[in-house]
């Protein structure tokens, strides 16, 4: 059995993850001497983790209903 989260929970977790990782990066850059390349590598690593969780279908984002493909045609 595969562990999957529903779309609303996935959206909330993704939003929290993005805010926390951005806060972590900005705080780390202000407190230490982090080069541009190191910051970019850290950002890409955070995005790859998120991408992998979506690709493995653990997170099932609905993007808060912004891209609703199930619209009825009139």
N, C-alpha and C. Protein backbone atom coordinates (compact mmCIF):
# COMPACT_ATOMS: atom_id res chain seq x y z
N UNK A 1 0.84 -1.18 0.00
CA UNK A 1 0.00 0.00 0.00
C UNK A 1 0.88 1.24 0.00
N UNK A 2 0.56 2.13 -0.89
CA UNK A 2 1.33 3.35 -1.05
C UNK A 2 0.75 4.46 -0.18
N UNK A 3 1.62 5.24 0.44
CA UNK A 3 1.19 6.36 1.26
C UNK A 3 0.93 7.56 0.37
N UNK A 4 -0.31 8.05 0.36
CA UNK A 4 -0.68 9.21 -0.45
C UNK A 4 -1.46 10.20 0.41
N UNK A 5 -1.25 11.45 0.15
CA UNK A 5 -1.98 12.51 0.82
C UNK A 5 -3.03 13.07 -0.13
N UNK A 6 -4.14 13.53 0.44
CA UNK A 6 -5.16 14.12 -0.43
C UNK A 6 -4.69 15.48 -0.95
N UNK A 7 -5.33 15.98 -2.00
CA UNK A 7 -4.84 17.21 -2.65
C UNK A 7 -4.77 18.44 -1.74
N UNK A 8 -5.76 18.65 -0.88
CA UNK A 8 -5.73 19.83 -0.03
C UNK A 8 -4.58 19.76 0.98
N UNK A 9 -4.38 18.60 1.57
CA UNK A 9 -3.26 18.41 2.51
C UNK A 9 -1.93 18.58 1.78
N UNK A 10 -1.84 18.08 0.57
CA UNK A 10 -0.62 18.23 -0.23
C UNK A 10 -0.33 19.69 -0.51
N UNK A 11 -1.37 20.44 -0.90
CA UNK A 11 -1.19 21.87 -1.17
C UNK A 11 -0.70 22.61 0.06
N UNK A 12 -1.29 22.31 1.21
CA UNK A 12 -0.89 22.98 2.45
C UNK A 12 0.54 22.62 2.82
N UNK A 13 0.90 21.34 2.73
CA UNK A 13 2.27 20.93 3.05
C UNK A 13 3.30 21.53 2.09
N UNK A 14 2.96 21.61 0.82
CA UNK A 14 3.88 22.21 -0.15
C UNK A 14 4.07 23.69 0.15
N UNK A 15 3.00 24.38 0.49
CA UNK A 15 3.10 25.81 0.83
C UNK A 15 3.96 26.02 2.06
N UNK A 16 3.74 25.22 3.09
CA UNK A 16 4.55 25.31 4.31
C UNK A 16 6.01 25.00 4.00
N UNK A 17 6.26 23.96 3.20
CA UNK A 17 7.62 23.56 2.84
C UNK A 17 8.35 24.70 2.12
N UNK A 18 7.67 25.34 1.17
CA UNK A 18 8.29 26.43 0.41
C UNK A 18 8.62 27.60 1.33
N UNK A 19 7.70 27.98 2.19
CA UNK A 19 7.93 29.11 3.10
C UNK A 19 9.07 28.80 4.07
N UNK A 20 9.09 27.60 4.63
CA UNK A 20 10.14 27.23 5.60
C UNK A 20 11.50 27.16 4.92
N UNK A 21 11.58 26.58 3.73
CA UNK A 21 12.88 26.49 3.06
C UNK A 21 13.39 27.86 2.63
N UNK A 22 12.49 28.73 2.18
CA UNK A 22 12.93 30.09 1.84
C UNK A 22 13.41 30.83 3.08
N UNK A 23 12.69 30.70 4.18
CA UNK A 23 13.12 31.33 5.42
C UNK A 23 14.49 30.79 5.85
N UNK A 24 14.65 29.46 5.75
CA UNK A 24 15.93 28.84 6.12
C UNK A 24 17.06 29.37 5.25
N UNK A 25 16.84 29.47 3.94
CA UNK A 25 17.88 29.97 3.04
C UNK A 25 18.23 31.42 3.32
N UNK A 26 17.22 32.28 3.48
CA UNK A 26 17.49 33.69 3.75
C UNK A 26 18.19 33.89 5.08
N UNK A 27 17.77 33.14 6.10
CA UNK A 27 18.40 33.26 7.42
C UNK A 27 19.85 32.77 7.35
N UNK A 28 20.10 31.67 6.68
CA UNK A 28 21.45 31.14 6.55
C UNK A 28 22.35 32.11 5.78
N UNK A 29 21.81 32.70 4.71
CA UNK A 29 22.61 33.65 3.93
C UNK A 29 22.95 34.91 4.71
N UNK A 30 22.04 35.36 5.57
CA UNK A 30 22.32 36.55 6.37
C UNK A 30 23.31 36.28 7.50
N UNK A 31 23.28 35.08 8.08
CA UNK A 31 24.14 34.77 9.23
C UNK A 31 25.52 34.27 8.86
N UNK A 32 25.68 33.71 7.68
CA UNK A 32 26.98 33.16 7.27
C UNK A 32 27.34 33.69 5.89
N UNK A 33 28.57 33.47 5.52
CA UNK A 33 29.05 33.85 4.20
C UNK A 33 28.79 32.71 3.22
N UNK A 34 27.62 32.72 2.62
CA UNK A 34 27.25 31.69 1.65
C UNK A 34 27.37 32.30 0.26
N UNK A 35 28.08 31.59 -0.61
CA UNK A 35 28.25 32.11 -1.97
C UNK A 35 26.97 31.90 -2.79
N UNK A 36 26.91 32.56 -3.91
CA UNK A 36 25.77 32.47 -4.80
C UNK A 36 25.56 31.03 -5.27
N UNK A 37 26.63 30.36 -5.62
CA UNK A 37 26.54 28.98 -6.12
C UNK A 37 26.01 28.05 -5.03
N UNK A 38 26.50 28.18 -3.81
CA UNK A 38 26.02 27.34 -2.72
C UNK A 38 24.54 27.57 -2.46
N UNK A 39 24.10 28.81 -2.54
CA UNK A 39 22.69 29.12 -2.34
C UNK A 39 21.84 28.50 -3.44
N UNK A 40 22.30 28.56 -4.67
CA UNK A 40 21.57 27.97 -5.78
C UNK A 40 21.49 26.45 -5.67
N UNK A 41 22.59 25.82 -5.27
CA UNK A 41 22.60 24.36 -5.10
C UNK A 41 21.62 23.95 -4.00
N UNK A 42 21.60 24.72 -2.91
CA UNK A 42 20.69 24.42 -1.83
C UNK A 42 19.24 24.58 -2.30
N UNK A 43 18.94 25.62 -3.05
CA UNK A 43 17.60 25.83 -3.58
C UNK A 43 17.18 24.72 -4.53
N UNK A 44 18.08 24.30 -5.40
CA UNK A 44 17.77 23.22 -6.34
C UNK A 44 17.53 21.92 -5.57
N UNK A 45 18.31 21.67 -4.52
CA UNK A 45 18.13 20.46 -3.72
C UNK A 45 16.76 20.44 -3.07
N UNK A 46 16.31 21.59 -2.55
CA UNK A 46 14.98 21.66 -1.94
C UNK A 46 13.89 21.41 -2.98
N UNK A 47 14.05 21.94 -4.18
CA UNK A 47 13.06 21.74 -5.23
C UNK A 47 13.06 20.28 -5.70
N UNK A 48 14.21 19.65 -5.78
CA UNK A 48 14.29 18.25 -6.20
C UNK A 48 13.60 17.34 -5.19
N UNK A 49 13.73 17.64 -3.91
CA UNK A 49 13.04 16.85 -2.88
C UNK A 49 11.53 16.96 -3.09
N UNK A 50 11.04 18.16 -3.31
CA UNK A 50 9.62 18.37 -3.54
C UNK A 50 9.16 17.67 -4.82
N UNK A 51 9.95 17.80 -5.88
CA UNK A 51 9.62 17.15 -7.16
C UNK A 51 9.55 15.63 -7.00
N UNK A 52 10.50 15.05 -6.25
CA UNK A 52 10.52 13.60 -6.05
C UNK A 52 9.28 13.13 -5.29
N UNK A 53 8.85 13.88 -4.28
CA UNK A 53 7.65 13.50 -3.54
C UNK A 53 6.40 13.57 -4.41
N UNK A 54 6.34 14.53 -5.32
CA UNK A 54 5.21 14.62 -6.24
C UNK A 54 5.28 13.50 -7.27
N UNK A 55 6.48 13.22 -7.78
CA UNK A 55 6.65 12.17 -8.79
C UNK A 55 6.33 10.78 -8.23
N UNK A 56 6.64 10.56 -6.95
CA UNK A 56 6.34 9.28 -6.31
C UNK A 56 4.87 9.17 -5.87
N UNK A 57 4.10 10.20 -6.16
CA UNK A 57 2.68 10.27 -5.84
C UNK A 57 2.40 10.27 -4.34
N UNK A 58 3.38 10.68 -3.54
CA UNK A 58 3.14 10.86 -2.11
C UNK A 58 2.37 12.15 -1.91
N UNK A 59 2.79 13.20 -2.62
CA UNK A 59 2.06 14.46 -2.63
C UNK A 59 1.26 14.53 -3.92
N UNK A 60 0.01 14.93 -3.82
CA UNK A 60 -0.87 15.03 -4.98
C UNK A 60 -1.43 16.45 -5.04
N UNK A 61 -0.64 17.40 -5.54
CA UNK A 61 -1.09 18.79 -5.50
C UNK A 61 -2.24 19.06 -6.45
N UNK A 62 -3.12 19.91 -6.00
CA UNK A 62 -4.24 20.39 -6.80
C UNK A 62 -4.04 21.85 -7.13
N UNK A 63 -2.98 22.44 -6.62
CA UNK A 63 -2.61 23.84 -6.79
C UNK A 63 -3.77 24.75 -6.37
N UNK A 64 -4.44 24.36 -5.29
CA UNK A 64 -5.56 25.11 -4.70
C UNK A 64 -6.67 25.35 -5.72
N UNK A 65 -6.82 24.45 -6.68
CA UNK A 65 -7.89 24.55 -7.66
C UNK A 65 -7.65 25.56 -8.77
N UNK A 66 -6.44 26.07 -8.89
CA UNK A 66 -6.16 27.07 -9.92
C UNK A 66 -6.18 26.48 -11.33
N UNK A 67 -5.73 25.25 -11.47
CA UNK A 67 -5.66 24.61 -12.77
C UNK A 67 -6.64 23.45 -12.79
N UNK A 68 -7.91 23.75 -12.77
CA UNK A 68 -8.93 22.72 -12.74
C UNK A 68 -9.20 22.25 -14.16
N UNK A 69 -8.78 21.02 -14.46
CA UNK A 69 -8.91 20.49 -15.81
C UNK A 69 -10.25 19.79 -16.00
N UNK A 70 -11.07 19.65 -14.96
CA UNK A 70 -12.34 18.95 -15.05
C UNK A 70 -13.51 19.92 -15.26
N UNK A 71 -13.28 21.00 -15.98
CA UNK A 71 -14.34 21.96 -16.23
C UNK A 71 -15.32 21.39 -17.25
N UNK A 72 -16.58 21.62 -17.00
CA UNK A 72 -17.57 21.16 -17.95
C UNK A 72 -17.62 22.11 -19.14
N UNK A 73 -17.77 21.53 -20.32
CA UNK A 73 -17.80 22.34 -21.54
C UNK A 73 -19.23 22.77 -21.80
N UNK A 74 -19.40 24.06 -22.03
CA UNK A 74 -20.76 24.58 -22.26
C UNK A 74 -21.02 24.77 -23.74
